[in-house]
Amino acid sequence: MTQTTTSPATTTEVDALIAANIAASLAEIPHPSQPKGTNIYGTTKVFPDYQAEGGETYFTLVHGIAHESSVSFVAVLQATRALRKGFDSAIYFYGPGSMNCIATRGFPTVGDSGFPGEQNINGALETFIAEGGTVYCCRFGLALHGNREEDLIAGVIPCHPLDVQDAVIHYARKGAIINSTYMV
């Protein structure tokens, strides 16, 4: 079997071709397409800004891992917003979600941010607790991931694994709005 080969282009020729393709790609669409500060989304709020009435409760379940998605962080922000609307607001972290409650997060030392935003969940939980929110954390979820109860963020309440279901029953019987977040 015979095979014909052609002489490959030189590295300089290939680099020049790539540089020309990069320039052409960048020139196709002007950047930035809109200057900073330009509104590209409307601001109309569709639903009323509901406030709590007569001791209403908002209960959030979090089964998401810190930093693996925005699920856990957004759940804390929603629970905080409910708290600020006057709801008795509580969050229950269970399974891998329990890792969100650890105060010893950081690199190279506790409290440092090894990447921008590493301490966001800690700060948001500390704010939620300081403003009167209640945070529960499953002990079994902690144990599954080698986290120690003594390393919980101040004010987080450690709970027995069987408390997850009973907490849902408790808050449902109170008529709570239940926001259950789950990340797989």
C-alpha atoms as a PDB file:
ATOM      1  CA  MET A   1       0.000   0.000   0.000  1.00  0.00           C
ATOM      2  CA  THR A   2       1.436   3.313  -0.993  1.00  0.00           C
ATOM      3  CA  GLN A   3       0.762   6.483   0.836  1.00  0.00           C
ATOM      4  CA  THR A   4       1.369   9.929  -0.496  1.00  0.00           C
ATOM      5  CA  THR A   5       2.533  12.553   1.870  1.00  0.00           C
ATOM      6  CA  THR A   6       2.743  16.254   1.503  1.00  0.00           C
ATOM      7  CA  SER A   7       5.260  18.411   3.167  1.00  0.00           C
ATOM      8  CA  PRO A   8       3.684  19.978   6.276  1.00  0.00           C
ATOM      9  CA  ALA A   9       3.601  23.751   6.513  1.00  0.00           C
ATOM     10  CA  THR A  10       6.262  25.283   8.626  1.00  0.00           C
ATOM     11  CA  THR A  11       5.539  26.243  12.197  1.00  0.00           C
ATOM     12  CA  THR A  12       5.818  29.883  11.223  1.00  0.00           C
ATOM     13  CA  GLU A  13       3.222  29.450   8.459  1.00  0.00           C
ATOM     14  CA  VAL A  14       0.829  27.622  10.798  1.00  0.00           C
ATOM     15  CA  ASP A  15       1.273  30.293  13.502  1.00  0.00           C
ATOM     16  CA  ALA A  16       0.553  33.005  10.924  1.00  0.00           C
ATOM     17  CA  LEU A  17      -2.591  31.171   9.771  1.00  0.00           C
ATOM     18  CA  ILE A  18      -3.811  30.786  13.376  1.00  0.00           C
ATOM     19  CA  ALA A  19      -3.107  34.469  14.089  1.00  0.00           C
ATOM     20  CA  ALA A  20      -5.095  35.470  10.989  1.00  0.00           C
ATOM     21  CA  ASN A  21      -7.991  33.208  12.047  1.00  0.00           C
ATOM     22  CA  ILE A  22      -7.968  34.716  15.555  1.00  0.00           C
ATOM     23  CA  ALA A  23      -8.083  38.241  14.116  1.00  0.00           C
ATOM     24  CA  ALA A  24     -10.952  37.272  11.787  1.00  0.00           C
ATOM     25  CA  SER A  25     -12.884  35.620  14.650  1.00  0.00           C
ATOM     26  CA  LEU A  26     -12.516  38.649  16.926  1.00  0.00           C
ATOM     27  CA  ALA A  27     -13.607  41.015  14.134  1.00  0.00           C
ATOM     28  CA  GLU A  28     -16.827  39.103  13.342  1.00  0.00           C
ATOM     29  CA  ILE A  29     -18.815  40.502  16.278  1.00  0.00           C
ATOM     30  CA  PRO A  30     -17.889  43.840  17.874  1.00  0.00           C
ATOM     31  CA  HIS A  31     -16.994  43.666  21.569  1.00  0.00           C
ATOM     32  CA  PRO A  32     -18.391  44.743  23.839  1.00  0.00           C
ATOM     33  CA  SER A  33     -21.718  44.636  22.073  1.00  0.00           C
ATOM     34  CA  GLN A  34     -23.164  46.945  24.718  1.00  0.00           C
ATOM     35  CA  PRO A  35     -21.267  49.317  26.979  1.00  0.00           C
ATOM     36  CA  LYS A  36     -21.166  48.597  30.707  1.00  0.00           C
ATOM     37  CA  GLY A  37     -24.320  49.791  32.440  1.00  0.00           C
ATOM     38  CA  THR A  38     -26.599  49.193  29.451  1.00  0.00           C
ATOM     39  CA  ASN A  39     -29.915  47.592  30.390  1.00  0.00           C
ATOM     40  CA  ILE A  40     -30.522  44.488  28.316  1.00  0.00           C
ATOM     41  CA  TYR A  41     -33.258  43.086  30.569  1.00  0.00           C
ATOM     42  CA  GLY A  42     -36.502  44.639  31.729  1.00  0.00           C
ATOM     43  CA  THR A  43     -37.122  45.477  35.384  1.00  0.00           C
ATOM     44  CA  THR A  44     -40.855  44.781  35.729  1.00  0.00           C
ATOM     45  CA  LYS A  45     -41.595  42.612  38.772  1.00  0.00           C
ATOM     46  CA  VAL A  46     -44.522  40.358  37.863  1.00  0.00           C
ATOM     47  CA  PHE A  47     -45.662  39.242  41.319  1.00  0.00           C
ATOM     48  CA  PRO A  48     -46.411  41.449  44.335  1.00  0.00           C
ATOM     49  CA  ASP A  49     -43.660  41.871  46.935  1.00  0.00           C
ATOM     50  CA  TYR A  50     -45.313  39.595  49.477  1.00  0.00           C
ATOM     51  CA  GLN A  51     -44.553  40.087  53.164  1.00  0.00           C
ATOM     52  CA  ALA A  52     -45.193  37.579  55.924  1.00  0.00           C
ATOM     53  CA  GLU A  53     -48.634  37.644  57.482  1.00  0.00           C
ATOM     54  CA  GLY A  54     -49.396  36.512  61.019  1.00  0.00           C
ATOM     55  CA  GLY A  55     -46.274  34.519  61.838  1.00  0.00           C
ATOM     56  CA  GLU A  56     -45.905  32.669  58.546  1.00  0.00           C
ATOM     57  CA  THR A  57     -42.966  30.312  58.223  1.00  0.00           C
ATOM     58  CA  TYR A  58     -40.495  29.647  55.410  1.00  0.00           C
ATOM     59  CA  PHE A  59     -38.501  26.405  55.609  1.00  0.00           C
ATOM     60  CA  THR A  60     -35.609  25.550  53.296  1.00  0.00           C
ATOM     61  CA  LEU A  61     -34.024  22.130  52.840  1.00  0.00           C
ATOM     62  CA  VAL A  62     -30.543  22.052  51.286  1.00  0.00           C
ATOM     63  CA  HIS A  63     -28.963  18.895  49.902  1.00  0.00           C
ATOM     64  CA  GLY A  64     -26.361  20.612  47.711  1.00  0.00           C
ATOM     65  CA  ILE A  65     -22.597  20.797  48.042  1.00  0.00           C
ATOM     66  CA  ALA A  66     -20.950  24.153  48.644  1.00  0.00           C
ATOM     67  CA  HIS A  67     -19.167  25.461  45.534  1.00  0.00           C
ATOM     68  CA  GLU A  68     -20.355  22.643  43.267  1.00  0.00           C
ATOM     69  CA  SER A  69     -23.258  24.728  41.999  1.00  0.00           C
ATOM     70  CA  SER A  70     -25.169  27.810  43.004  1.00  0.00           C
ATOM     71  CA  VAL A  71     -28.010  25.722  44.521  1.00  0.00           C
ATOM     72  CA  SER A  72     -26.891  25.961  48.158  1.00  0.00           C
ATOM     73  CA  PHE A  73     -25.885  29.604  48.040  1.00  0.00           C
ATOM     74  CA  VAL A  74     -29.091  30.702  46.299  1.00  0.00           C
ATOM     75  CA  ALA A  75     -31.155  28.729  48.841  1.00  0.00           C
ATOM     76  CA  VAL A  76     -29.486  30.673  51.671  1.00  0.00           C
ATOM     77  CA  LEU A  77     -30.132  33.964  49.860  1.00  0.00           C
ATOM     78  CA  GLN A  78     -33.810  33.037  49.390  1.00  0.00           C
ATOM     79  CA  ALA A  79     -34.171  32.063  53.052  1.00  0.00           C
ATOM     80  CA  THR A  80     -32.573  35.373  54.052  1.00  0.00           C
ATOM     81  CA  ARG A  81     -34.954  37.296  51.820  1.00  0.00           C
ATOM     82  CA  ALA A  82     -37.895  35.472  53.398  1.00  0.00           C
ATOM     83  CA  LEU A  83     -36.526  36.351  56.840  1.00  0.00           C
ATOM     84  CA  ARG A  84     -36.315  40.013  55.849  1.00  0.00           C
ATOM     85  CA  LYS A  85     -39.939  39.848  54.634  1.00  0.00           C
ATOM     86  CA  GLY A  86     -40.968  38.885  58.161  1.00  0.00           C
ATOM     87  CA  PHE A  87     -41.168  35.100  57.814  1.00  0.00           C
ATOM     88  CA  ASP A  88     -39.919  32.830  60.583  1.00  0.00           C
ATOM     89  CA  SER A  89     -37.213  31.389  58.356  1.00  0.00           C
ATOM     90  CA  ALA A  90     -35.195  28.229  58.923  1.00  0.00           C
ATOM     91  CA  ILE A  91     -32.747  26.208  56.829  1.00  0.00           C
ATOM     92  CA  TYR A  92     -31.986  22.510  57.261  1.00  0.00           C
ATOM     93  CA  PHE A  93     -28.758  21.207  55.700  1.00  0.00           C
ATOM     94  CA  TYR A  94     -28.587  17.445  55.283  1.00  0.00           C
ATOM     95  CA  GLY A  95     -26.580  14.874  53.337  1.00  0.00           C
ATOM     96  CA  PRO A  96     -23.790  16.585  51.402  1.00  0.00           C
ATOM     97  CA  GLY A  97     -25.500  19.903  52.146  1.00  0.00           C
ATOM     98  CA  SER A  98     -24.141  19.620  55.685  1.00  0.00           C
ATOM     99  CA  MET A  99     -20.726  20.632  54.349  1.00  0.00           C
ATOM    100  CA  ASN A 100     -22.078  24.148  53.831  1.00  0.00           C
ATOM    101  CA  CYS A 101     -22.149  24.690  57.601  1.00  0.00           C
ATOM    102  CA  ILE A 102     -18.441  24.240  58.247  1.00  0.00           C
ATOM    103  CA  ALA A 103     -16.602  27.242  59.727  1.00  0.00           C
ATOM    104  CA  THR A 104     -13.169  25.808  58.932  1.00  0.00           C
ATOM    105  CA  ARG A 105     -13.428  26.456  55.180  1.00  0.00           C
ATOM    106  CA  GLY A 106     -10.458  28.239  53.658  1.00  0.00           C
ATOM    107  CA  PHE A 107      -7.055  27.897  52.061  1.00  0.00           C
ATOM    108  CA  PRO A 108      -4.217  28.155  52.877  1.00  0.00           C
ATOM    109  CA  THR A 109      -5.622  28.864  56.334  1.00  0.00           C
ATOM    110  CA  VAL A 110      -9.114  28.873  57.836  1.00  0.00           C
ATOM    111  CA  GLY A 111     -11.016  31.943  56.712  1.00  0.00           C
ATOM    112  CA  ASP A 112      -8.831  32.621  53.662  1.00  0.00           C
ATOM    113  CA  SER A 113     -10.323  32.446  50.209  1.00  0.00           C
ATOM    114  CA  GLY A 114      -8.386  30.090  47.995  1.00  0.00           C
ATOM    115  CA  PHE A 115     -10.540  31.433  45.134  1.00  0.00           C
ATOM    116  CA  PRO A 116     -12.873  34.443  44.915  1.00  0.00           C
ATOM    117  CA  GLY A 117     -16.143  33.649  46.672  1.00  0.00           C
ATOM    118  CA  GLU A 118     -14.914  30.682  48.709  1.00  0.00           C
ATOM    119  CA  GLN A 119     -16.248  32.288  51.898  1.00  0.00           C
ATOM    120  CA  ASN A 120     -19.592  33.443  50.379  1.00  0.00           C
ATOM    121  CA  ILE A 121     -21.666  30.630  51.890  1.00  0.00           C
ATOM    122  CA  ASN A 122     -20.077  31.157  55.310  1.00  0.00           C
ATOM    123  CA  GLY A 123     -20.763  34.888  55.232  1.00  0.00           C
ATOM    124  CA  ALA A 124     -24.334  34.381  54.034  1.00  0.00           C
ATOM    125  CA  LEU A 125     -25.061  31.860  56.808  1.00  0.00           C
ATOM    126  CA  GLU A 126     -23.494  34.099  59.445  1.00  0.00           C
ATOM    127  CA  THR A 127     -25.695  36.977  58.235  1.00  0.00           C
ATOM    128  CA  PHE A 128     -28.800  34.762  58.209  1.00  0.00           C
ATOM    129  CA  ILE A 129     -28.149  33.630  61.797  1.00  0.00           C
ATOM    130  CA  ALA A 130     -27.296  37.162  62.984  1.00  0.00           C
ATOM    131  CA  GLU A 131     -30.598  38.435  61.555  1.00  0.00           C
ATOM    132  CA  GLY A 132     -32.608  35.801  63.444  1.00  0.00           C
ATOM    133  CA  GLY A 133     -32.712  32.846  61.069  1.00  0.00           C
ATOM    134  CA  THR A 134     -32.430  29.278  62.332  1.00  0.00           C
ATOM    135  CA  VAL A 135     -29.963  26.825  60.789  1.00  0.00           C
ATOM    136  CA  TYR A 136     -30.070  23.075  61.379  1.00  0.00           C
ATOM    137  CA  CYS A 137     -27.386  20.642  60.241  1.00  0.00           C
ATOM    138  CA  CYS A 138     -27.578  16.852  60.057  1.00  0.00           C
ATOM    139  CA  ARG A 139     -24.884  15.105  62.079  1.00  0.00           C
ATOM    140  CA  PHE A 140     -24.935  12.108  59.756  1.00  0.00           C
ATOM    141  CA  GLY A 141     -24.358  14.390  56.759  1.00  0.00           C
ATOM    142  CA  LEU A 142     -21.348  15.807  58.567  1.00  0.00           C
ATOM    143  CA  ALA A 143     -20.021  12.325  59.364  1.00  0.00           C
ATOM    144  CA  LEU A 144     -20.452  11.109  55.779  1.00  0.00           C
ATOM    145  CA  HIS A 145     -17.944  13.704  54.654  1.00  0.00           C
ATOM    146  CA  GLY A 146     -15.553  13.638  57.611  1.00  0.00           C
ATOM    147  CA  ASN A 147     -16.642  17.004  58.974  1.00  0.00           C
ATOM    148  CA  ARG A 148     -16.591  17.599  62.707  1.00  0.00           C
ATOM    149  CA  GLU A 149     -19.500  18.980  64.687  1.00  0.00           C
ATOM    150  CA  GLU A 150     -17.106  21.258  66.580  1.00  0.00           C
ATOM    151  CA  ASP A 151     -16.290  22.973  63.264  1.00  0.00           C
ATOM    152  CA  LEU A 152     -19.857  24.171  62.623  1.00  0.00           C
ATOM    153  CA  ILE A 153     -20.439  27.871  62.044  1.00  0.00           C
ATOM    154  CA  ALA A 154     -21.442  29.503  65.337  1.00  0.00           C
ATOM    155  CA  GLY A 155     -25.195  29.247  65.848  1.00  0.00           C
ATOM    156  CA  VAL A 156     -25.764  26.214  63.603  1.00  0.00           C
ATOM    157  CA  ILE A 157     -27.824  23.581  65.444  1.00  0.00           C
ATOM    158  CA  PRO A 158     -26.595  19.982  64.985  1.00  0.00           C
ATOM    159  CA  CYS A 159     -29.421  17.450  64.597  1.00  0.00           C
ATOM    160  CA  HIS A 160     -29.948  13.689  64.645  1.00  0.00           C
ATOM    161  CA  PRO A 161     -30.358  12.089  61.197  1.00  0.00           C
ATOM    162  CA  LEU A 162     -33.982  11.167  61.964  1.00  0.00           C
ATOM    163  CA  ASP A 163     -34.749  14.856  62.552  1.00  0.00           C
ATOM    164  CA  VAL A 164     -34.771  15.630  58.814  1.00  0.00           C
ATOM    165  CA  GLN A 165     -38.149  13.998  58.229  1.00  0.00           C
ATOM    166  CA  ASP A 166     -39.611  15.219  61.516  1.00  0.00           C
ATOM    167  CA  ALA A 167     -38.479  18.771  60.769  1.00  0.00           C
ATOM    168  CA  VAL A 168     -40.357  18.639  57.459  1.00  0.00           C
ATOM    169  CA  ILE A 169     -43.455  17.351  59.280  1.00  0.00           C
ATOM    170  CA  HIS A 170     -43.086  20.043  61.969  1.00  0.00           C
ATOM    171  CA  TYR A 171     -42.805  22.894  59.470  1.00  0.00           C
ATOM    172  CA  ALA A 172     -45.552  21.478  57.222  1.00  0.00           C
ATOM    173  CA  ARG A 173     -47.912  21.351  60.215  1.00  0.00           C
ATOM    174  CA  LYS A 174     -47.042  24.989  60.885  1.00  0.00           C
ATOM    175  CA  GLY A 175     -48.158  25.737  57.325  1.00  0.00           C
ATOM    176  CA  ALA A 176     -44.668  26.686  56.186  1.00  0.00           C
ATOM    177  CA  ILE A 177     -43.711  27.442  52.641  1.00  0.00           C
ATOM    178  CA  ILE A 178     -41.188  24.642  52.019  1.00  0.00           C
ATOM    179  CA  ASN A 179     -38.376  25.207  49.556  1.00  0.00           C
ATOM    180  CA  SER A 180     -36.527  21.934  48.995  1.00  0.00           C
ATOM    181  CA  THR A 181     -33.317  22.183  46.997  1.00  0.00           C
ATOM    182  CA  TYR A 182     -31.505  19.086  45.851  1.00  0.00           C
ATOM    183  CA  MET A 183     -28.360  18.693  43.824  1.00  0.00           C
ATOM    184  CA  VAL A 184     -27.246  15.426  42.287  1.00  0.00           C
END
